[in-house]
Amino acid sequence: MSEHGKAAIYREQTIGKPDPGAVAGRLMTEALVSVLLKASGNDREKEGTI
């Protein structure tokens, strides 16, 4: 359970809901990996492994 921020105030209501900061970080990381793979010529996205 969260100890800081808005999630700490709403406690039980936040259980099972994705953390917005973590979701944003994952999206940015996936986008970076996609760009780097395309730049290297190793486009695994076409193979469906990402």
PDB file of N, CA and C in Angstrom:
ATOM      1  N   MET A   1       0.839  -1.168   0.000  1.00  0.00           N
ATOM      2  CA  MET A   1       0.000   0.000   0.000  1.00  0.00           C
ATOM      3  C   MET A   1       0.894   1.244   0.000  1.00  0.00           C
ATOM      4  N   SER A   2       0.436   2.268  -0.630  1.00  0.00           N
ATOM      5  CA  SER A   2       1.194   3.506  -0.769  1.00  0.00           C
ATOM      6  C   SER A   2       1.371   4.209   0.567  1.00  0.00           C
ATOM      7  N   GLU A   3       2.511   4.884   0.708  1.00  0.00           N
ATOM      8  CA  GLU A   3       2.790   5.637   1.927  1.00  0.00           C
ATOM      9  C   GLU A   3       2.873   7.137   1.676  1.00  0.00           C
ATOM     10  N   HIS A   4       2.985   7.545   0.402  1.00  0.00           N
ATOM     11  CA  HIS A   4       3.169   8.957   0.074  1.00  0.00           C
ATOM     12  C   HIS A   4       2.178   9.400  -0.992  1.00  0.00           C
ATOM     13  N   GLY A   5       1.904  10.696  -1.004  1.00  0.00           N
ATOM     14  CA  GLY A   5       1.099  11.292  -2.061  1.00  0.00           C
ATOM     15  C   GLY A   5      -0.383  10.994  -1.946  1.00  0.00           C
ATOM     16  N   LYS A   6      -1.068  11.243  -3.060  1.00  0.00           N
ATOM     17  CA  LYS A   6      -2.521  11.090  -3.102  1.00  0.00           C
ATOM     18  C   LYS A   6      -2.938   9.646  -2.841  1.00  0.00           C
ATOM     19  N   ALA A   7      -2.145   8.689  -3.306  1.00  0.00           N
ATOM     20  CA  ALA A   7      -2.486   7.282  -3.113  1.00  0.00           C
ATOM     21  C   ALA A   7      -2.521   6.912  -1.641  1.00  0.00           C
ATOM     22  N   ALA A   8      -1.680   7.543  -0.824  1.00  0.00           N
ATOM     23  CA  ALA A   8      -1.667   7.259   0.613  1.00  0.00           C
ATOM     24  C   ALA A   8      -2.944   7.754   1.280  1.00  0.00           C
ATOM     25  N   ILE A   9      -3.528   8.822   0.772  1.00  0.00           N
ATOM     26  CA  ILE A   9      -4.756   9.369   1.353  1.00  0.00           C
ATOM     27  C   ILE A   9      -5.946   8.456   1.050  1.00  0.00           C
ATOM     28  N   TYR A  10      -5.991   7.910  -0.155  1.00  0.00           N
ATOM     29  CA  TYR A  10      -7.130   7.094  -0.564  1.00  0.00           C
ATOM     30  C   TYR A  10      -6.935   5.602  -0.291  1.00  0.00           C
ATOM     31  N   ARG A  11      -5.822   5.213   0.236  1.00  0.00           N
ATOM     32  CA  ARG A  11      -5.438   3.848   0.622  1.00  0.00           C
ATOM     33  C   ARG A  11      -6.144   2.718  -0.136  1.00  0.00           C
ATOM     34  N   GLU A  12      -7.234   2.198   0.397  1.00  0.00           N
ATOM     35  CA  GLU A  12      -7.886   1.008  -0.153  1.00  0.00           C
ATOM     36  C   GLU A  12      -8.376   1.203  -1.582  1.00  0.00           C
ATOM     37  N   GLN A  13      -8.724   2.425  -1.953  1.00  0.00           N
ATOM     38  CA  GLN A  13      -9.240   2.684  -3.294  1.00  0.00           C
ATOM     39  C   GLN A  13      -8.157   2.570  -4.359  1.00  0.00           C
ATOM     40  N   THR A  14      -6.893   2.593  -3.952  1.00  0.00           N
ATOM     41  CA  THR A  14      -5.808   2.548  -4.931  1.00  0.00           C
ATOM     42  C   THR A  14      -5.300   1.139  -5.196  1.00  0.00           C
ATOM     43  N   ILE A  15      -5.729   0.175  -4.402  1.00  0.00           N
ATOM     44  CA  ILE A  15      -5.263  -1.205  -4.571  1.00  0.00           C
ATOM     45  C   ILE A  15      -5.779  -1.754  -5.894  1.00  0.00           C
ATOM     46  N   GLY A  16      -4.892  -2.313  -6.685  1.00  0.00           N
ATOM     47  CA  GLY A  16      -5.257  -2.912  -7.962  1.00  0.00           C
ATOM     48  C   GLY A  16      -5.261  -1.950  -9.133  1.00  0.00           C
ATOM     49  N   LYS A  17      -5.019  -0.679  -8.878  1.00  0.00           N
ATOM     50  CA  LYS A  17      -4.980   0.308  -9.957  1.00  0.00           C
ATOM     51  C   LYS A  17      -3.528   0.588 -10.320  1.00  0.00           C
ATOM     52  N   PRO A  18      -3.225   0.734 -11.613  1.00  0.00           N
ATOM     53  CA  PRO A  18      -1.838   0.987 -12.026  1.00  0.00           C
ATOM     54  C   PRO A  18      -1.338   2.353 -11.560  1.00  0.00           C
ATOM     55  N   ASP A  19      -0.078   2.389 -11.196  1.00  0.00           N
ATOM     56  CA  ASP A  19       0.561   3.637 -10.792  1.00  0.00           C
ATOM     57  C   ASP A  19       0.826   4.465 -12.051  1.00  0.00           C
ATOM     58  N   PRO A  20       0.273   5.686 -12.160  1.00  0.00           N
ATOM     59  CA  PRO A  20       0.431   6.494 -13.371  1.00  0.00           C
ATOM     60  C   PRO A  20       1.897   6.764 -13.730  1.00  0.00           C
ATOM     61  N   GLY A  21       2.729   6.986 -12.728  1.00  0.00           N
ATOM     62  CA  GLY A  21       4.147   7.236 -12.993  1.00  0.00           C
ATOM     63  C   GLY A  21       4.835   6.010 -13.568  1.00  0.00           C
ATOM     64  N   ALA A  22       4.494   4.839 -13.050  1.00  0.00           N
ATOM     65  CA  ALA A  22       5.081   3.600 -13.549  1.00  0.00           C
ATOM     66  C   ALA A  22       4.622   3.310 -14.978  1.00  0.00           C
ATOM     67  N   VAL A  23       3.351   3.586 -15.251  1.00  0.00           N
ATOM     68  CA  VAL A  23       2.812   3.368 -16.601  1.00  0.00           C
ATOM     69  C   VAL A  23       3.512   4.294 -17.601  1.00  0.00           C
ATOM     70  N   ALA A  24       3.690   5.552 -17.230  1.00  0.00           N
ATOM     71  CA  ALA A  24       4.371   6.504 -18.111  1.00  0.00           C
ATOM     72  C   ALA A  24       5.812   6.077 -18.352  1.00  0.00           C
ATOM     73  N   GLY A  25       6.483   5.621 -17.303  1.00  0.00           N
ATOM     74  CA  GLY A  25       7.865   5.151 -17.440  1.00  0.00           C
ATOM     75  C   GLY A  25       7.965   3.950 -18.357  1.00  0.00           C
ATOM     76  N   ARG A  26       7.013   3.026 -18.241  1.00  0.00           N
ATOM     77  CA  ARG A  26       7.027   1.838 -19.102  1.00  0.00           C
ATOM     78  C   ARG A  26       6.811   2.222 -20.567  1.00  0.00           C
ATOM     79  N   LEU A  27       5.861   3.135 -20.813  1.00  0.00           N
ATOM     80  CA  LEU A  27       5.600   3.567 -22.188  1.00  0.00           C
ATOM     81  C   LEU A  27       6.825   4.242 -22.805  1.00  0.00           C
ATOM     82  N   MET A  28       7.495   5.090 -22.015  1.00  0.00           N
ATOM     83  CA  MET A  28       8.694   5.766 -22.526  1.00  0.00           C
ATOM     84  C   MET A  28       9.814   4.767 -22.794  1.00  0.00           C
ATOM     85  N   THR A  29       9.968   3.782 -21.906  1.00  0.00           N
ATOM     86  CA  THR A  29      11.001   2.762 -22.090  1.00  0.00           C
ATOM     87  C   THR A  29      10.716   1.920 -23.325  1.00  0.00           C
ATOM     88  N   GLU A  30       9.469   1.512 -23.510  1.00  0.00           N
ATOM     89  CA  GLU A  30       9.112   0.716 -24.688  1.00  0.00           C
ATOM     90  C   GLU A  30       9.334   1.504 -25.974  1.00  0.00           C
ATOM     91  N   ALA A  31       9.010   2.791 -25.956  1.00  0.00           N
ATOM     92  CA  ALA A  31       9.223   3.629 -27.138  1.00  0.00           C
ATOM     93  C   ALA A  31      10.713   3.749 -27.445  1.00  0.00           C
ATOM     94  N   LEU A  32      11.528   3.940 -26.418  1.00  0.00           N
ATOM     95  CA  LEU A  32      12.976   4.039 -26.606  1.00  0.00           C
ATOM     96  C   LEU A  32      13.542   2.746 -27.179  1.00  0.00           C
ATOM     97  N   VAL A  33      13.132   1.617 -26.647  1.00  0.00           N
ATOM     98  CA  VAL A  33      13.608   0.325 -27.150  1.00  0.00           C
ATOM     99  C   VAL A  33      13.209   0.153 -28.611  1.00  0.00           C
ATOM    100  N   SER A  34      11.978   0.527 -28.938  1.00  0.00           N
ATOM    101  CA  SER A  34      11.500   0.413 -30.309  1.00  0.00           C
ATOM    102  C   SER A  34      12.340   1.256 -31.268  1.00  0.00           C
ATOM    103  N   VAL A  35      12.619   2.489 -30.873  1.00  0.00           N
ATOM    104  CA  VAL A  35      13.418   3.388 -31.714  1.00  0.00           C
ATOM    105  C   VAL A  35      14.841   2.840 -31.877  1.00  0.00           C
ATOM    106  N   LEU A  36      15.436   2.376 -30.793  1.00  0.00           N
ATOM    107  CA  LEU A  36      16.806   1.853 -30.858  1.00  0.00           C
ATOM    108  C   LEU A  36      16.888   0.593 -31.719  1.00  0.00           C
ATOM    109  N   LEU A  37      15.882  -0.276 -31.626  1.00  0.00           N
ATOM    110  CA  LEU A  37      15.883  -1.489 -32.447  1.00  0.00           C
ATOM    111  C   LEU A  37      15.740  -1.143 -33.927  1.00  0.00           C
ATOM    112  N   LYS A  38      14.886  -0.183 -34.237  1.00  0.00           N
ATOM    113  CA  LYS A  38      14.723   0.213 -35.638  1.00  0.00           C
ATOM    114  C   LYS A  38      15.996   0.852 -36.172  1.00  0.00           C
ATOM    115  N   ALA A  39      16.657   1.657 -35.344  1.00  0.00           N
ATOM    116  CA  ALA A  39      17.894   2.318 -35.761  1.00  0.00           C
ATOM    117  C   ALA A  39      19.013   1.312 -35.990  1.00  0.00           C
ATOM    118  N   SER A  40      18.998   0.205 -35.240  1.00  0.00           N
ATOM    119  CA  SER A  40      20.059  -0.793 -35.375  1.00  0.00           C
ATOM    120  C   SER A  40      19.763  -1.787 -36.489  1.00  0.00           C
ATOM    121  N   GLY A  41      18.561  -1.718 -37.044  1.00  0.00           N
ATOM    122  CA  GLY A  41      18.194  -2.636 -38.116  1.00  0.00           C
ATOM    123  C   GLY A  41      17.639  -3.950 -37.595  1.00  0.00           C
ATOM    124  N   ASN A  42      17.556  -4.096 -36.305  1.00  0.00           N
ATOM    125  CA  ASN A  42      17.033  -5.309 -35.690  1.00  0.00           C
ATOM    126  C   ASN A  42      15.603  -5.038 -35.250  1.00  0.00           C
ATOM    127  N   ASP A  43      14.685  -5.032 -36.186  1.00  0.00           N
ATOM    128  CA  ASP A  43      13.301  -4.665 -35.912  1.00  0.00           C
ATOM    129  C   ASP A  43      12.509  -5.890 -35.446  1.00  0.00           C
ATOM    130  N   ARG A  44      12.571  -6.183 -34.147  1.00  0.00           N
ATOM    131  CA  ARG A  44      11.857  -7.333 -33.593  1.00  0.00           C
ATOM    132  C   ARG A  44      10.369  -7.071 -33.501  1.00  0.00           C
ATOM    133  N   GLU A  45       9.947  -5.820 -33.633  1.00  0.00           N
ATOM    134  CA  GLU A  45       8.532  -5.504 -33.564  1.00  0.00           C
ATOM    135  C   GLU A  45       7.755  -6.224 -34.670  1.00  0.00           C
ATOM    136  N   LYS A  46       8.369  -6.365 -35.843  1.00  0.00           N
ATOM    137  CA  LYS A  46       7.708  -7.042 -36.963  1.00  0.00           C
ATOM    138  C   LYS A  46       7.500  -8.516 -36.657  1.00  0.00           C
ATOM    139  N   GLU A  47       8.407  -9.106 -35.864  1.00  0.00           N
ATOM    140  CA  GLU A  47       8.317 -10.520 -35.536  1.00  0.00           C
ATOM    141  C   GLU A  47       7.329 -10.777 -34.413  1.00  0.00           C
ATOM    142  N   GLY A  48       6.875  -9.719 -33.749  1.00  0.00           N
ATOM    143  CA  GLY A  48       5.913  -9.873 -32.669  1.00  0.00           C
ATOM    144  C   GLY A  48       6.526 -10.286 -31.357  1.00  0.00           C
ATOM    145  N   THR A  49       7.828 -10.041 -31.162  1.00  0.00           N
ATOM    146  CA  THR A  49       8.473 -10.425 -29.904  1.00  0.00           C
ATOM    147  C   THR A  49       8.518  -9.285 -28.913  1.00  0.00           C
ATOM    148  N   ILE A  50       8.007  -8.115 -29.285  1.00  0.00           N
ATOM    149  CA  ILE A  50       7.958  -6.991 -28.336  1.00  0.00           C
ATOM    150  C   ILE A  50       6.516  -6.670 -28.064  1.00  0.00           C
TER     151      ILE A  50
END
